[in-house]
C-alpha atoms as a PDB file:
ATOM      1  CA  MET A   1     -12.574   9.211  10.618  1.00  0.00           C
ATOM      2  CA  ASN A   2      -9.353   7.427   9.722  1.00  0.00           C
ATOM      3  CA  ILE A   3      -7.714   6.227   6.547  1.00  0.00           C
ATOM      4  CA  LYS A   4      -7.154   2.469   6.404  1.00  0.00           C
ATOM      5  CA  CYS A   5      -4.561   0.871   4.148  1.00  0.00           C
ATOM      6  CA  ASN A   6      -5.608  -2.396   2.529  1.00  0.00           C
ATOM      7  CA  LEU A   7      -2.107  -3.351   1.377  1.00  0.00           C
ATOM      8  CA  PRO A   8      -1.767  -6.255   3.853  1.00  0.00           C
ATOM      9  CA  ARG A   9      -5.018  -7.796   2.618  1.00  0.00           C
ATOM     10  CA  ILE A  10      -4.172  -7.240  -1.053  1.00  0.00           C
ATOM     11  CA  LEU A  11      -0.706  -8.756  -0.746  1.00  0.00           C
ATOM     12  CA  GLY A  12      -2.093 -11.673   1.271  1.00  0.00           C
ATOM     13  CA  GLU A  13      -4.715 -12.438  -1.354  1.00  0.00           C
ATOM     14  CA  ARG A  14      -2.028 -12.419  -4.047  1.00  0.00           C
ATOM     15  CA  ARG A  15       0.451 -14.343  -1.887  1.00  0.00           C
ATOM     16  CA  MET A  16       2.994 -11.568  -2.372  1.00  0.00           C
ATOM     17  CA  LYS A  17       5.631 -10.261  -0.007  1.00  0.00           C
ATOM     18  CA  ILE A  18       6.713  -6.673   0.473  1.00  0.00           C
ATOM     19  CA  SER A  19      10.001  -7.541  -1.249  1.00  0.00           C
ATOM     20  CA  ASP A  20       8.046  -8.798  -4.294  1.00  0.00           C
ATOM     21  CA  LEU A  21       6.132  -5.519  -4.466  1.00  0.00           C
ATOM     22  CA  SER A  22       9.365  -3.555  -4.077  1.00  0.00           C
ATOM     23  CA  ARG A  23      10.939  -5.347  -7.054  1.00  0.00           C
ATOM     24  CA  LEU A  24       7.748  -4.892  -9.085  1.00  0.00           C
ATOM     25  CA  THR A  25       7.341  -1.167  -8.387  1.00  0.00           C
ATOM     26  CA  GLY A  26      10.855   0.088  -7.698  1.00  0.00           C
ATOM     27  CA  VAL A  27       9.643   1.549  -4.381  1.00  0.00           C
ATOM     28  CA  HIS A  28      12.113   1.029  -1.535  1.00  0.00           C
ATOM     29  CA  ARG A  29      11.185  -1.817   0.800  1.00  0.00           C
ATOM     30  CA  ASN A  30      11.355   0.401   3.915  1.00  0.00           C
ATOM     31  CA  ILE A  31       8.734   2.745   2.475  1.00  0.00           C
ATOM     32  CA  LEU A  32       6.445  -0.163   1.619  1.00  0.00           C
ATOM     33  CA  THR A  33       6.910  -1.619   5.108  1.00  0.00           C
ATOM     34  CA  ARG A  34       5.812   1.671   6.714  1.00  0.00           C
ATOM     35  CA  ILE A  35       2.765   1.798   4.436  1.00  0.00           C
ATOM     36  CA  TYR A  36       1.976  -1.875   5.148  1.00  0.00           C
ATOM     37  CA  ASN A  37       2.189  -1.324   8.923  1.00  0.00           C
ATOM     38  CA  GLU A  38       0.267   1.958   8.682  1.00  0.00           C
ATOM     39  CA  SER A  39       3.102   3.788  10.401  1.00  0.00           C
ATOM     40  CA  ALA A  40       3.758   6.226   7.538  1.00  0.00           C
ATOM     41  CA  ASN A  41       2.707   9.784   8.313  1.00  0.00           C
ATOM     42  CA  ARG A  42       2.927  10.810   4.684  1.00  0.00           C
ATOM     43  CA  VAL A  43       3.020   8.940   1.400  1.00  0.00           C
ATOM     44  CA  ASP A  44       4.139  10.597  -1.828  1.00  0.00           C
ATOM     45  CA  LEU A  45       1.667  10.442  -4.666  1.00  0.00           C
ATOM     46  CA  ASP A  46       4.257   8.867  -6.972  1.00  0.00           C
ATOM     47  CA  VAL A  47       4.580   5.985  -4.490  1.00  0.00           C
ATOM     48  CA  ILE A  48       0.804   5.488  -4.423  1.00  0.00           C
ATOM     49  CA  VAL A  49       0.723   5.574  -8.228  1.00  0.00           C
ATOM     50  CA  ALA A  50       3.548   3.016  -8.432  1.00  0.00           C
ATOM     51  CA  ILE A  51       1.801   0.661  -5.992  1.00  0.00           C
ATOM     52  CA  CYS A  52      -1.539   0.959  -7.768  1.00  0.00           C
ATOM     53  CA  ALA A  53       0.040   0.476 -11.204  1.00  0.00           C
ATOM     54  CA  GLY A  54       2.112  -2.480 -10.036  1.00  0.00           C
ATOM     55  CA  LEU A  55      -0.886  -4.201  -8.483  1.00  0.00           C
ATOM     56  CA  SER A  56      -3.364  -3.058 -11.200  1.00  0.00           C
ATOM     57  CA  ILE A  57      -5.688  -1.514  -8.616  1.00  0.00           C
ATOM     58  CA  GLN A  58      -7.331   1.844  -8.008  1.00  0.00           C
ATOM     59  CA  VAL A  59      -6.438   4.178  -5.140  1.00  0.00           C
ATOM     60  CA  GLY A  60      -9.825   3.430  -3.540  1.00  0.00           C
ATOM     61  CA  GLU A  61      -8.863  -0.229  -3.334  1.00  0.00           C
ATOM     62  CA  LEU A  62      -5.571   0.595  -1.613  1.00  0.00           C
ATOM     63  CA  TYR A  63      -6.944   3.166   0.841  1.00  0.00           C
ATOM     64  CA  GLU A  64     -10.378   3.652   2.347  1.00  0.00           C
ATOM     65  CA  VAL A  65     -11.891   6.041   4.866  1.00  0.00           C
ATOM     66  CA  VAL A  66     -13.323   4.291   7.937  1.00  0.00           C
ATOM     67  CA  GLU A  67     -15.286   5.467  10.939  1.00  0.00           C
ATOM     68  CA  GLU A  68     -13.427   5.584  14.241  1.00  0.00           C
ATOM     69  CA  ASP A  69     -14.469   2.963  16.780  1.00  0.00           C
END
């Protein structure tokens, strides 16, 4: 099983850029880029909380567990 990040889809639906989310949440753009590209090995809980609060979503909307192909 893997964890999939839905940030690209969410930002696309809202026509937002990573820089917009960075300004909204105060989270550094480089951190958001790693999350967006799913290259982050770890994500601090305060970053997840900031993203979810900024986008008015739940953690389950941002991340989901998927079966491996």
